[in-house]
Amino acid sequence: MRHGVAGRKLGRPTDQRIALFRSLVTALFRYEKITTTLPKAKSIQAEAEKLITLGKRGDLHARRQALAYVFDPKIVDKLFMVIGPRYAERAGGYTRIVKTGFRQGDAAPMARIELVE
């Protein structure tokens, strides 16, 4: 029984799925918007919001927690110096998902996840 088990598997083993989410979140912070499939965008939205909240906190422990998740240390610097202060007075809802249609090859639903202004 799957009682209380949340999250999408996306047809991948656990280690590959976690690596995929980490790389997508890193790309989201690097480019501030990415286009991916809708289930992947929905899966990384919560992780990205948690990391932005760490960026708002700004202390050493929060920075180390972000470094444990994000692949690139330069992106962590951007998260704490640019993105975190940008949302200092915002209580939540830092990202938005916009559906962009269907992919040509396999008709997968596509979406753009971006940081709100």
PDB file of N, CA and C in Angstrom:
ATOM      1  N   MET A   1       0.826  -1.188   0.000  1.00  0.00           N
ATOM      2  CA  MET A   1       0.000   0.000   0.000  1.00  0.00           C
ATOM      3  C   MET A   1       0.870   1.251   0.000  1.00  0.00           C
ATOM      4  N   ARG A   2       0.413   2.264  -0.677  1.00  0.00           N
ATOM      5  CA  ARG A   2       1.186   3.499  -0.812  1.00  0.00           C
ATOM      6  C   ARG A   2       0.633   4.604   0.086  1.00  0.00           C
ATOM      7  N   HIS A   3       0.151   4.273   1.237  1.00  0.00           N
ATOM      8  CA  HIS A   3      -0.435   5.286   2.099  1.00  0.00           C
ATOM      9  C   HIS A   3       0.608   6.309   2.511  1.00  0.00           C
ATOM     10  N   GLY A   4       0.326   7.578   2.268  1.00  0.00           N
ATOM     11  CA  GLY A   4       1.199   8.647   2.713  1.00  0.00           C
ATOM     12  C   GLY A   4       2.465   8.819   1.899  1.00  0.00           C
ATOM     13  N   VAL A   5       2.582   8.127   0.772  1.00  0.00           N
ATOM     14  CA  VAL A   5       3.769   8.249  -0.061  1.00  0.00           C
ATOM     15  C   VAL A   5       3.488   9.282  -1.145  1.00  0.00           C
ATOM     16  N   ALA A   6       4.220  10.367  -1.124  1.00  0.00           N
ATOM     17  CA  ALA A   6       3.963  11.453  -2.062  1.00  0.00           C
ATOM     18  C   ALA A   6       5.080  11.531  -3.089  1.00  0.00           C
ATOM     19  N   GLY A   7       4.850  12.234  -4.158  1.00  0.00           N
ATOM     20  CA  GLY A   7       5.869  12.481  -5.156  1.00  0.00           C
ATOM     21  C   GLY A   7       5.684  11.640  -6.399  1.00  0.00           C
ATOM     22  N   ARG A   8       6.332  12.073  -7.462  1.00  0.00           N
ATOM     23  CA  ARG A   8       6.257  11.372  -8.742  1.00  0.00           C
ATOM     24  C   ARG A   8       7.531  10.588  -8.954  1.00  0.00           C
ATOM     25  N   LYS A   9       7.414   9.393  -9.526  1.00  0.00           N
ATOM     26  CA  LYS A   9       8.600   8.581  -9.797  1.00  0.00           C
ATOM     27  C   LYS A   9       9.211   8.890 -11.158  1.00  0.00           C
ATOM     28  N   LEU A  10       8.411   9.320 -12.110  1.00  0.00           N
ATOM     29  CA  LEU A  10       8.872   9.714 -13.443  1.00  0.00           C
ATOM     30  C   LEU A  10       9.638   8.602 -14.155  1.00  0.00           C
ATOM     31  N   GLY A  11       9.362   7.359 -13.811  1.00  0.00           N
ATOM     32  CA  GLY A  11       9.963   6.230 -14.501  1.00  0.00           C
ATOM     33  C   GLY A  11      11.455   6.093 -14.290  1.00  0.00           C
ATOM     34  N   ARG A  12      11.981   6.564 -13.157  1.00  0.00           N
ATOM     35  CA  ARG A  12      13.413   6.534 -12.898  1.00  0.00           C
ATOM     36  C   ARG A  12      13.684   5.938 -11.531  1.00  0.00           C
ATOM     37  N   PRO A  13      14.856   5.328 -11.355  1.00  0.00           N
ATOM     38  CA  PRO A  13      15.261   4.925  -9.997  1.00  0.00           C
ATOM     39  C   PRO A  13      15.475   6.154  -9.117  1.00  0.00           C
ATOM     40  N   THR A  14      15.500   5.953  -7.832  1.00  0.00           N
ATOM     41  CA  THR A  14      15.542   7.065  -6.883  1.00  0.00           C
ATOM     42  C   THR A  14      16.763   7.952  -7.089  1.00  0.00           C
ATOM     43  N   ASP A  15      17.942   7.354  -7.264  1.00  0.00           N
ATOM     44  CA  ASP A  15      19.147   8.175  -7.381  1.00  0.00           C
ATOM     45  C   ASP A  15      19.130   9.024  -8.646  1.00  0.00           C
ATOM     46  N   GLN A  16      18.649   8.463  -9.748  1.00  0.00           N
ATOM     47  CA  GLN A  16      18.567   9.236 -10.989  1.00  0.00           C
ATOM     48  C   GLN A  16      17.520  10.331 -10.895  1.00  0.00           C
ATOM     49  N   ARG A  17      16.412  10.043 -10.215  1.00  0.00           N
ATOM     50  CA  ARG A  17      15.348  11.033 -10.067  1.00  0.00           C
ATOM     51  C   ARG A  17      15.825  12.216  -9.225  1.00  0.00           C
ATOM     52  N   ILE A  18      16.549  11.940  -8.147  1.00  0.00           N
ATOM     53  CA  ILE A  18      17.066  13.017  -7.298  1.00  0.00           C
ATOM     54  C   ILE A  18      18.083  13.856  -8.065  1.00  0.00           C
ATOM     55  N   ALA A  19      18.946  13.197  -8.851  1.00  0.00           N
ATOM     56  CA  ALA A  19      19.923  13.932  -9.655  1.00  0.00           C
ATOM     57  C   ALA A  19      19.221  14.794 -10.697  1.00  0.00           C
ATOM     58  N   LEU A  20      18.150  14.274 -11.306  1.00  0.00           N
ATOM     59  CA  LEU A  20      17.381  15.054 -12.278  1.00  0.00           C
ATOM     60  C   LEU A  20      16.784  16.295 -11.629  1.00  0.00           C
ATOM     61  N   PHE A  21      16.178  16.139 -10.452  1.00  0.00           N
ATOM     62  CA  PHE A  21      15.581  17.283  -9.766  1.00  0.00           C
ATOM     63  C   PHE A  21      16.647  18.308  -9.395  1.00  0.00           C
ATOM     64  N   ARG A  22      17.800  17.848  -8.917  1.00  0.00           N
ATOM     65  CA  ARG A  22      18.875  18.773  -8.547  1.00  0.00           C
ATOM     66  C   ARG A  22      19.371  19.552  -9.757  1.00  0.00           C
ATOM     67  N   SER A  23      19.516  18.872 -10.903  1.00  0.00           N
ATOM     68  CA  SER A  23      20.001  19.577 -12.092  1.00  0.00           C
ATOM     69  C   SER A  23      18.957  20.546 -12.628  1.00  0.00           C
ATOM     70  N   LEU A  24      17.672  20.190 -12.547  1.00  0.00           N
ATOM     71  CA  LEU A  24      16.631  21.103 -13.002  1.00  0.00           C
ATOM     72  C   LEU A  24      16.541  22.342 -12.108  1.00  0.00           C
ATOM     73  N   VAL A  25      16.658  22.151 -10.802  1.00  0.00           N
ATOM     74  CA  VAL A  25      16.613  23.290  -9.883  1.00  0.00           C
ATOM     75  C   VAL A  25      17.832  24.186 -10.093  1.00  0.00           C
ATOM     76  N   THR A  26      19.003  23.581 -10.308  1.00  0.00           N
ATOM     77  CA  THR A  26      20.205  24.374 -10.593  1.00  0.00           C
ATOM     78  C   THR A  26      20.027  25.187 -11.866  1.00  0.00           C
ATOM     79  N   ALA A  27      19.463  24.565 -12.909  1.00  0.00           N
ATOM     80  CA  ALA A  27      19.221  25.285 -14.166  1.00  0.00           C
ATOM     81  C   ALA A  27      18.189  26.390 -13.976  1.00  0.00           C
ATOM     82  N   LEU A  28      17.172  26.146 -13.150  1.00  0.00           N
ATOM     83  CA  LEU A  28      16.156  27.172 -12.896  1.00  0.00           C
ATOM     84  C   LEU A  28      16.793  28.397 -12.253  1.00  0.00           C
ATOM     85  N   PHE A  29      17.671  28.210 -11.301  1.00  0.00           N
ATOM     86  CA  PHE A  29      18.310  29.354 -10.655  1.00  0.00           C
ATOM     87  C   PHE A  29      19.330  30.014 -11.575  1.00  0.00           C
ATOM     88  N   ARG A  30      19.938  29.255 -12.467  1.00  0.00           N
ATOM     89  CA  ARG A  30      20.918  29.835 -13.392  1.00  0.00           C
ATOM     90  C   ARG A  30      20.232  30.726 -14.418  1.00  0.00           C
ATOM     91  N   TYR A  31      19.166  30.212 -15.043  1.00  0.00           N
ATOM     92  CA  TYR A  31      18.523  30.941 -16.143  1.00  0.00           C
ATOM     93  C   TYR A  31      17.244  31.675 -15.728  1.00  0.00           C
ATOM     94  N   GLU A  32      16.749  31.409 -14.541  1.00  0.00           N
ATOM     95  CA  GLU A  32      15.545  31.998 -13.955  1.00  0.00           C
ATOM     96  C   GLU A  32      14.267  31.592 -14.668  1.00  0.00           C
ATOM     97  N   LYS A  33      14.354  30.791 -15.723  1.00  0.00           N
ATOM     98  CA  LYS A  33      13.194  30.137 -16.317  1.00  0.00           C
ATOM     99  C   LYS A  33      13.693  28.996 -17.190  1.00  0.00           C
ATOM    100  N   ILE A  34      12.986  27.876 -17.135  1.00  0.00           N
ATOM    101  CA  ILE A  34      13.339  26.721 -17.953  1.00  0.00           C
ATOM    102  C   ILE A  34      12.057  26.112 -18.502  1.00  0.00           C
ATOM    103  N   THR A  35      12.191  25.415 -19.621  1.00  0.00           N
ATOM    104  CA  THR A  35      11.071  24.704 -20.217  1.00  0.00           C
ATOM    105  C   THR A  35      11.322  23.213 -20.062  1.00  0.00           C
ATOM    106  N   THR A  36      10.352  22.509 -19.505  1.00  0.00           N
ATOM    107  CA  THR A  36      10.461  21.079 -19.272  1.00  0.00           C
ATOM    108  C   THR A  36       9.055  20.491 -19.333  1.00  0.00           C
ATOM    109  N   THR A  37       8.931  19.202 -19.043  1.00  0.00           N
ATOM    110  CA  THR A  37       7.597  18.614 -19.051  1.00  0.00           C
ATOM    111  C   THR A  37       6.832  19.068 -17.811  1.00  0.00           C
ATOM    112  N   LEU A  38       5.534  19.051 -17.901  1.00  0.00           N
ATOM    113  CA  LEU A  38       4.691  19.527 -16.800  1.00  0.00           C
ATOM    114  C   LEU A  38       4.900  18.738 -15.504  1.00  0.00           C
ATOM    115  N   PRO A  39       4.964  17.396 -15.527  1.00  0.00           N
ATOM    116  CA  PRO A  39       5.201  16.683 -14.263  1.00  0.00           C
ATOM    117  C   PRO A  39       6.553  17.015 -13.625  1.00  0.00           C
ATOM    118  N   LYS A  40       7.580  17.210 -14.435  1.00  0.00           N
ATOM    119  CA  LYS A  40       8.885  17.580 -13.880  1.00  0.00           C
ATOM    120  C   LYS A  40       8.827  18.972 -13.270  1.00  0.00           C
ATOM    121  N   ALA A  41       8.149  19.896 -13.930  1.00  0.00           N
ATOM    122  CA  ALA A  41       8.029  21.256 -13.403  1.00  0.00           C
ATOM    123  C   ALA A  41       7.285  21.256 -12.076  1.00  0.00           C
ATOM    124  N   LYS A  42       6.218  20.473 -11.986  1.00  0.00           N
ATOM    125  CA  LYS A  42       5.467  20.408 -10.736  1.00  0.00           C
ATOM    126  C   LYS A  42       6.288  19.761  -9.625  1.00  0.00           C
ATOM    127  N   SER A  43       7.156  18.822 -10.004  1.00  0.00           N
ATOM    128  CA  SER A  43       7.958  18.125  -9.001  1.00  0.00           C
ATOM    129  C   SER A  43       9.047  19.023  -8.420  1.00  0.00           C
ATOM    130  N   ILE A  44       9.642  19.886  -9.236  1.00  0.00           N
ATOM    131  CA  ILE A  44      10.754  20.695  -8.733  1.00  0.00           C
ATOM    132  C   ILE A  44      10.288  22.006  -8.116  1.00  0.00           C
ATOM    133  N   GLN A  45       9.023  22.352  -8.279  1.00  0.00           N
ATOM    134  CA  GLN A  45       8.553  23.636  -7.775  1.00  0.00           C
ATOM    135  C   GLN A  45       8.716  23.746  -6.262  1.00  0.00           C
ATOM    136  N   ALA A  46       8.352  22.704  -5.528  1.00  0.00           N
ATOM    137  CA  ALA A  46       8.454  22.751  -4.069  1.00  0.00           C
ATOM    138  C   ALA A  46       9.906  22.842  -3.623  1.00  0.00           C
ATOM    139  N   GLU A  47      10.802  22.107  -4.277  1.00  0.00           N
ATOM    140  CA  GLU A  47      12.220  22.161  -3.910  1.00  0.00           C
ATOM    141  C   GLU A  47      12.801  23.546  -4.174  1.00  0.00           C
ATOM    142  N   ALA A  48      12.443  24.146  -5.293  1.00  0.00           N
ATOM    143  CA  ALA A  48      12.953  25.480  -5.613  1.00  0.00           C
ATOM    144  C   ALA A  48      12.463  26.504  -4.586  1.00  0.00           C
ATOM    145  N   GLU A  49      11.214  26.392  -4.188  1.00  0.00           N
ATOM    146  CA  GLU A  49      10.678  27.340  -3.200  1.00  0.00           C
ATOM    147  C   GLU A  49      11.376  27.182  -1.851  1.00  0.00           C
ATOM    148  N   LYS A  50      11.676  25.952  -1.456  1.00  0.00           N
ATOM    149  CA  LYS A  50      12.390  25.735  -0.200  1.00  0.00           C
ATOM    150  C   LYS A  50      13.779  26.353  -0.254  1.00  0.00           C
ATOM    151  N   LEU A  51      14.461  26.220  -1.389  1.00  0.00           N
ATOM    152  CA  LEU A  51      15.799  26.785  -1.506  1.00  0.00           C
ATOM    153  C   LEU A  51      15.774  28.306  -1.524  1.00  0.00           C
ATOM    154  N   ILE A  52      14.750  28.899  -2.123  1.00  0.00           N
ATOM    155  CA  ILE A  52      14.634  30.362  -2.100  1.00  0.00           C
ATOM    156  C   ILE A  52      14.401  30.842  -0.672  1.00  0.00           C
ATOM    157  N   THR A  53      13.633  30.091   0.097  1.00  0.00           N
ATOM    158  CA  THR A  53      13.435  30.438   1.499  1.00  0.00           C
ATOM    159  C   THR A  53      14.752  30.364   2.267  1.00  0.00           C
ATOM    160  N   LEU A  54      15.592  29.367   1.947  1.00  0.00           N
ATOM    161  CA  LEU A  54      16.926  29.322   2.548  1.00  0.00           C
ATOM    162  C   LEU A  54      17.731  30.555   2.149  1.00  0.00           C
ATOM    163  N   GLY A  55      17.608  30.975   0.888  1.00  0.00           N
ATOM    164  CA  GLY A  55      18.306  32.164   0.431  1.00  0.00           C
ATOM    165  C   GLY A  55      17.847  33.417   1.146  1.00  0.00           C
ATOM    166  N   LYS A  56      16.583  33.459   1.504  1.00  0.00           N
ATOM    167  CA  LYS A  56      16.071  34.602   2.261  1.00  0.00           C
ATOM    168  C   LYS A  56      16.637  34.608   3.675  1.00  0.00           C
ATOM    169  N   ARG A  57      16.800  33.420   4.268  1.00  0.00           N
ATOM    170  CA  ARG A  57      17.354  33.347   5.618  1.00  0.00           C
ATOM    171  C   ARG A  57      18.773  33.873   5.656  1.00  0.00           C
ATOM    172  N   GLY A  58      19.603  33.368   4.754  1.00  0.00           N
ATOM    173  CA  GLY A  58      20.917  33.949   4.556  1.00  0.00           C
ATOM    174  C   GLY A  58      21.988  33.587   5.560  1.00  0.00           C
ATOM    175  N   ASP A  59      21.747  32.717   6.522  1.00  0.00           N
ATOM    176  CA  ASP A  59      22.788  32.388   7.487  1.00  0.00           C
ATOM    177  C   ASP A  59      23.672  31.252   6.959  1.00  0.00           C
ATOM    178  N   LEU A  60      24.697  30.925   7.707  1.00  0.00           N
ATOM    179  CA  LEU A  60      25.679  29.941   7.266  1.00  0.00           C
ATOM    180  C   LEU A  60      25.064  28.551   7.119  1.00  0.00           C
ATOM    181  N   HIS A  61      24.213  28.176   8.050  1.00  0.00           N
ATOM    182  CA  HIS A  61      23.587  26.855   7.977  1.00  0.00           C
ATOM    183  C   HIS A  61      22.700  26.735   6.740  1.00  0.00           C
ATOM    184  N   ALA A  62      21.970  27.790   6.418  1.00  0.00           N
ATOM    185  CA  ALA A  62      21.133  27.777   5.216  1.00  0.00           C
ATOM    186  C   ALA A  62      21.997  27.663   3.961  1.00  0.00           C
ATOM    187  N   ARG A  63      23.134  28.349   3.937  1.00  0.00           N
ATOM    188  CA  ARG A  63      24.036  28.278   2.788  1.00  0.00           C
ATOM    189  C   ARG A  63      24.586  26.863   2.620  1.00  0.00           C
ATOM    190  N   ARG A  64      24.928  26.215   3.719  1.00  0.00           N
ATOM    191  CA  ARG A  64      25.442  24.852   3.634  1.00  0.00           C
ATOM    192  C   ARG A  64      24.355  23.881   3.185  1.00  0.00           C
ATOM    193  N   GLN A  65      23.139  24.096   3.615  1.00  0.00           N
ATOM    194  CA  GLN A  65      22.038  23.249   3.157  1.00  0.00           C
ATOM    195  C   GLN A  65      21.819  23.419   1.655  1.00  0.00           C
ATOM    196  N   ALA A  66      21.910  24.640   1.162  1.00  0.00           N
ATOM    197  CA  ALA A  66      21.746  24.890  -0.269  1.00  0.00           C
ATOM    198  C   ALA A  66      22.904  24.283  -1.057  1.00  0.00           C
ATOM    199  N   LEU A  67      24.114  24.372  -0.538  1.00  0.00           N
ATOM    200  CA  LEU A  67      25.271  23.780  -1.212  1.00  0.00           C
ATOM    201  C   LEU A  67      25.157  22.264  -1.294  1.00  0.00           C
ATOM    202  N   ALA A  68      24.463  21.657  -0.350  1.00  0.00           N
ATOM    203  CA  ALA A  68      24.276  20.210  -0.389  1.00  0.00           C
ATOM    204  C   ALA A  68      23.294  19.797  -1.475  1.00  0.00           C
ATOM    205  N   TYR A  69      22.471  20.721  -1.969  1.00  0.00           N
ATOM    206  CA  TYR A  69      21.461  20.373  -2.973  1.00  0.00           C
ATOM    207  C   TYR A  69      21.815  20.876  -4.364  1.00  0.00           C
ATOM    208  N   VAL A  70      22.263  22.114  -4.466  1.00  0.00           N
ATOM    209  CA  VAL A  70      22.544  22.723  -5.765  1.00  0.00           C
ATOM    210  C   VAL A  70      23.943  22.305  -6.203  1.00  0.00           C
ATOM    211  N   PHE A  71      24.108  21.996  -7.497  1.00  0.00           N
ATOM    212  CA  PHE A  71      25.375  21.493  -8.001  1.00  0.00           C
ATOM    213  C   PHE A  71      26.475  22.548  -8.062  1.00  0.00           C
ATOM    214  N   ASP A  72      26.159  23.770  -8.409  1.00  0.00           N
ATOM    215  CA  ASP A  72      27.166  24.788  -8.701  1.00  0.00           C
ATOM    216  C   ASP A  72      27.264  25.800  -7.553  1.00  0.00           C
ATOM    217  N   PRO A  73      28.448  25.975  -6.947  1.00  0.00           N
ATOM    218  CA  PRO A  73      28.575  26.959  -5.865  1.00  0.00           C
ATOM    219  C   PRO A  73      28.299  28.395  -6.314  1.00  0.00           C
ATOM    220  N   LYS A  74      28.559  28.706  -7.593  1.00  0.00           N
ATOM    221  CA  LYS A  74      28.266  30.053  -8.084  1.00  0.00           C
ATOM    222  C   LYS A  74      26.766  30.319  -8.095  1.00  0.00           C
ATOM    223  N   ILE A  75      25.985  29.289  -8.360  1.00  0.00           N
ATOM    224  CA  ILE A  75      24.525  29.435  -8.346  1.00  0.00           C
ATOM    225  C   ILE A  75      24.041  29.647  -6.910  1.00  0.00           C
ATOM    226  N   VAL A  76      24.700  29.018  -5.940  1.00  0.00           N
ATOM    227  CA  VAL A  76      24.336  29.242  -4.536  1.00  0.00           C
ATOM    228  C   VAL A  76      24.637  30.691  -4.153  1.00  0.00           C
ATOM    229  N   ASP A  77      25.751  31.224  -4.629  1.00  0.00           N
ATOM    230  CA  ASP A  77      26.043  32.640  -4.383  1.00  0.00           C
ATOM    231  C   ASP A  77      24.959  33.526  -4.982  1.00  0.00           C
ATOM    232  N   LYS A  78      24.531  33.212  -6.202  1.00  0.00           N
ATOM    233  CA  LYS A  78      23.455  33.978  -6.829  1.00  0.00           C
ATOM    234  C   LYS A  78      22.168  33.859  -6.027  1.00  0.00           C
ATOM    235  N   LEU A  79      21.900  32.644  -5.512  1.00  0.00           N
ATOM    236  CA  LEU A  79      20.694  32.423  -4.715  1.00  0.00           C
ATOM    237  C   LEU A  79      20.687  33.290  -3.464  1.00  0.00           C
ATOM    238  N   PHE A  80      21.844  33.442  -2.814  1.00  0.00           N
ATOM    239  CA  PHE A  80      21.894  34.182  -1.560  1.00  0.00           C
ATOM    240  C   PHE A  80      22.120  35.678  -1.756  1.00  0.00           C
ATOM    241  N   MET A  81      22.740  36.083  -2.855  1.00  0.00           N
ATOM    242  CA  MET A  81      23.031  37.500  -3.067  1.00  0.00           C
ATOM    243  C   MET A  81      21.981  38.218  -3.918  1.00  0.00           C
ATOM    244  N   VAL A  82      21.336  37.485  -4.841  1.00  0.00           N
ATOM    245  CA  VAL A  82      20.411  38.128  -5.776  1.00  0.00           C
ATOM    246  C   VAL A  82      18.982  37.663  -5.550  1.00  0.00           C
ATOM    247  N   ILE A  83      18.767  36.368  -5.608  1.00  0.00           N
ATOM    248  CA  ILE A  83      17.399  35.842  -5.596  1.00  0.00           C
ATOM    249  C   ILE A  83      16.767  35.967  -4.216  1.00  0.00           C
ATOM    250  N   GLY A  84      17.502  35.628  -3.157  1.00  0.00           N
ATOM    251  CA  GLY A  84      16.959  35.716  -1.802  1.00  0.00           C
ATOM    252  C   GLY A  84      16.523  37.123  -1.425  1.00  0.00           C
ATOM    253  N   PRO A  85      17.387  38.136  -1.586  1.00  0.00           N
ATOM    254  CA  PRO A  85      16.957  39.506  -1.265  1.00  0.00           C
ATOM    255  C   PRO A  85      15.831  40.025  -2.157  1.00  0.00           C
ATOM    256  N   ARG A  86      15.715  39.499  -3.381  1.00  0.00           N
ATOM    257  CA  ARG A  86      14.633  39.929  -4.268  1.00  0.00           C
ATOM    258  C   ARG A  86      13.267  39.599  -3.666  1.00  0.00           C
ATOM    259  N   TYR A  87      13.184  38.482  -2.949  1.00  0.00           N
ATOM    260  CA  TYR A  87      11.909  38.045  -2.381  1.00  0.00           C
ATOM    261  C   TYR A  87      11.865  38.240  -0.870  1.00  0.00           C
ATOM    262  N   ALA A  88      12.597  39.215  -0.356  1.00  0.00           N
ATOM    263  CA  ALA A  88      12.694  39.406   1.093  1.00  0.00           C
ATOM    264  C   ALA A  88      11.343  39.703   1.738  1.00  0.00           C
ATOM    265  N   GLU A  89      10.489  40.460   1.065  1.00  0.00           N
ATOM    266  CA  GLU A  89       9.203  40.807   1.670  1.00  0.00           C
ATOM    267  C   GLU A  89       8.061  39.943   1.153  1.00  0.00           C
ATOM    268  N   ARG A  90       8.371  38.948   0.341  1.00  0.00           N
ATOM    269  CA  ARG A  90       7.337  38.056  -0.200  1.00  0.00           C
ATOM    270  C   ARG A  90       7.237  36.820   0.682  1.00  0.00           C
ATOM    271  N   ALA A  91       6.017  36.428   1.025  1.00  0.00           N
ATOM    272  CA  ALA A  91       5.820  35.329   1.971  1.00  0.00           C
ATOM    273  C   ALA A  91       5.906  33.954   1.327  1.00  0.00           C
ATOM    274  N   GLY A  92       5.813  33.864   0.024  1.00  0.00           N
ATOM    275  CA  GLY A  92       5.862  32.568  -0.656  1.00  0.00           C
ATOM    276  C   GLY A  92       5.406  32.751  -2.087  1.00  0.00           C
ATOM    277  N   GLY A  93       5.351  31.661  -2.826  1.00  0.00           N
ATOM    278  CA  GLY A  93       4.920  31.747  -4.210  1.00  0.00           C
ATOM    279  C   GLY A  93       5.956  32.411  -5.082  1.00  0.00           C
ATOM    280  N   TYR A  94       7.189  31.900  -5.044  1.00  0.00           N
ATOM    281  CA  TYR A  94       8.289  32.523  -5.778  1.00  0.00           C
ATOM    282  C   TYR A  94       8.364  32.050  -7.222  1.00  0.00           C
ATOM    283  N   THR A  95       7.691  30.951  -7.543  1.00  0.00           N
ATOM    284  CA  THR A  95       7.777  30.398  -8.898  1.00  0.00           C
ATOM    285  C   THR A  95       6.386  30.315  -9.508  1.00  0.00           C
ATOM    286  N   ARG A  96       6.361  30.240 -10.836  1.00  0.00           N
ATOM    287  CA  ARG A  96       5.102  30.105 -11.561  1.00  0.00           C
ATOM    288  C   ARG A  96       5.310  29.069 -12.648  1.00  0.00           C
ATOM    289  N   ILE A  97       4.274  28.280 -12.901  1.00  0.00           N
ATOM    290  CA  ILE A  97       4.295  27.288 -13.969  1.00  0.00           C
ATOM    291  C   ILE A  97       3.286  27.709 -15.023  1.00  0.00           C
ATOM    292  N   VAL A  98       3.760  27.832 -16.269  1.00  0.00           N
ATOM    293  CA  VAL A  98       2.913  28.217 -17.386  1.00  0.00           C
ATOM    294  C   VAL A  98       2.916  27.068 -18.386  1.00  0.00           C
ATOM    295  N   LYS A  99       1.754  26.544 -18.692  1.00  0.00           N
ATOM    296  CA  LYS A  99       1.674  25.462 -19.669  1.00  0.00           C
ATOM    297  C   LYS A  99       1.941  26.027 -21.062  1.00  0.00           C
ATOM    298  N   THR A 100       2.750  25.313 -21.850  1.00  0.00           N
ATOM    299  CA  THR A 100       3.151  25.824 -23.156  1.00  0.00           C
ATOM    300  C   THR A 100       2.731  24.924 -24.310  1.00  0.00           C
ATOM    301  N   GLY A 101       1.892  23.962 -24.074  1.00  0.00           N
ATOM    302  CA  GLY A 101       1.435  23.103 -25.156  1.00  0.00           C
ATOM    303  C   GLY A 101       2.011  21.708 -25.043  1.00  0.00           C
ATOM    304  N   PHE A 102       2.176  21.051 -26.194  1.00  0.00           N
ATOM    305  CA  PHE A 102       2.617  19.666 -26.207  1.00  0.00           C
ATOM    306  C   PHE A 102       3.863  19.532 -27.065  1.00  0.00           C
ATOM    307  N   ARG A 103       4.746  18.629 -26.656  1.00  0.00           N
ATOM    308  CA  ARG A 103       5.989  18.395 -27.388  1.00  0.00           C
ATOM    309  C   ARG A 103       5.696  17.694 -28.701  1.00  0.00           C
ATOM    310  N   GLN A 104       6.448  18.044 -29.736  1.00  0.00           N
ATOM    311  CA  GLN A 104       6.189  17.547 -31.083  1.00  0.00           C
ATOM    312  C   GLN A 104       6.348  16.031 -31.181  1.00  0.00           C
ATOM    313  N   GLY A 105       7.400  15.475 -30.600  1.00  0.00           N
ATOM    314  CA  GLY A 105       7.716  14.070 -30.818  1.00  0.00           C
ATOM    315  C   GLY A 105       6.772  13.096 -30.153  1.00  0.00           C
ATOM    316  N   ASP A 106       6.458  13.312 -28.866  1.00  0.00           N
ATOM    317  CA  ASP A 106       5.674  12.332 -28.131  1.00  0.00           C
ATOM    318  C   ASP A 106       4.415  12.921 -27.493  1.00  0.00           C
ATOM    319  N   ALA A 107       4.097  14.154 -27.812  1.00  0.00           N
ATOM    320  CA  ALA A 107       2.903  14.835 -27.304  1.00  0.00           C
ATOM    321  C   ALA A 107       2.877  14.934 -25.780  1.00  0.00           C
ATOM    322  N   ALA A 108       4.068  15.041 -25.174  1.00  0.00           N
ATOM    323  CA  ALA A 108       4.143  15.233 -23.730  1.00  0.00           C
ATOM    324  C   ALA A 108       3.747  16.671 -23.395  1.00  0.00           C
ATOM    325  N   PRO A 109       2.985  16.880 -22.335  1.00  0.00           N
ATOM    326  CA  PRO A 109       2.618  18.252 -21.960  1.00  0.00           C
ATOM    327  C   PRO A 109       3.845  19.009 -21.461  1.00  0.00           C
ATOM    328  N   MET A 110       4.081  20.163 -22.045  1.00  0.00           N
ATOM    329  CA  MET A 110       5.246  20.969 -21.702  1.00  0.00           C
ATOM    330  C   MET A 110       4.825  22.180 -20.872  1.00  0.00           C
ATOM    331  N   ALA A 111       5.783  22.673 -20.081  1.00  0.00           N
ATOM    332  CA  ALA A 111       5.506  23.829 -19.240  1.00  0.00           C
ATOM    333  C   ALA A 111       6.796  24.611 -19.052  1.00  0.00           C
ATOM    334  N   ARG A 112       6.632  25.897 -18.772  1.00  0.00           N
ATOM    335  CA  ARG A 112       7.755  26.751 -18.434  1.00  0.00           C
ATOM    336  C   ARG A 112       7.628  27.100 -16.952  1.00  0.00           C
ATOM    337  N   ILE A 113       8.662  26.809 -16.197  1.00  0.00           N
ATOM    338  CA  ILE A 113       8.688  27.204 -14.780  1.00  0.00           C
ATOM    339  C   ILE A 113       9.657  28.384 -14.674  1.00  0.00           C
ATOM    340  N   GLU A 114       9.205  29.440 -14.005  1.00  0.00           N
ATOM    341  CA  GLU A 114       9.997  30.658 -13.943  1.00  0.00           C
ATOM    342  C   GLU A 114       9.858  31.303 -12.574  1.00  0.00           C
ATOM    343  N   LEU A 115      10.818  32.127 -12.237  1.00  0.00           N
ATOM    344  CA  LEU A 115      10.761  32.907 -11.007  1.00  0.00           C
ATOM    345  C   LEU A 115       9.875  34.114 -11.262  1.00  0.00           C
ATOM    346  N   VAL A 116       8.985  34.420 -10.348  1.00  0.00           N
ATOM    347  CA  VAL A 116       8.092  35.562 -10.527  1.00  0.00           C
ATOM    348  C   VAL A 116       8.856  36.851 -10.277  1.00  0.00           C
ATOM    349  N   GLU A 117       8.327  37.941 -10.760  1.00  0.00           N
ATOM    350  CA  GLU A 117       8.994  39.242 -10.607  1.00  0.00           C
ATOM    351  C   GLU A 117       8.763  39.806  -9.234  1.00  0.00           C
TER     352      GLU A 117
END
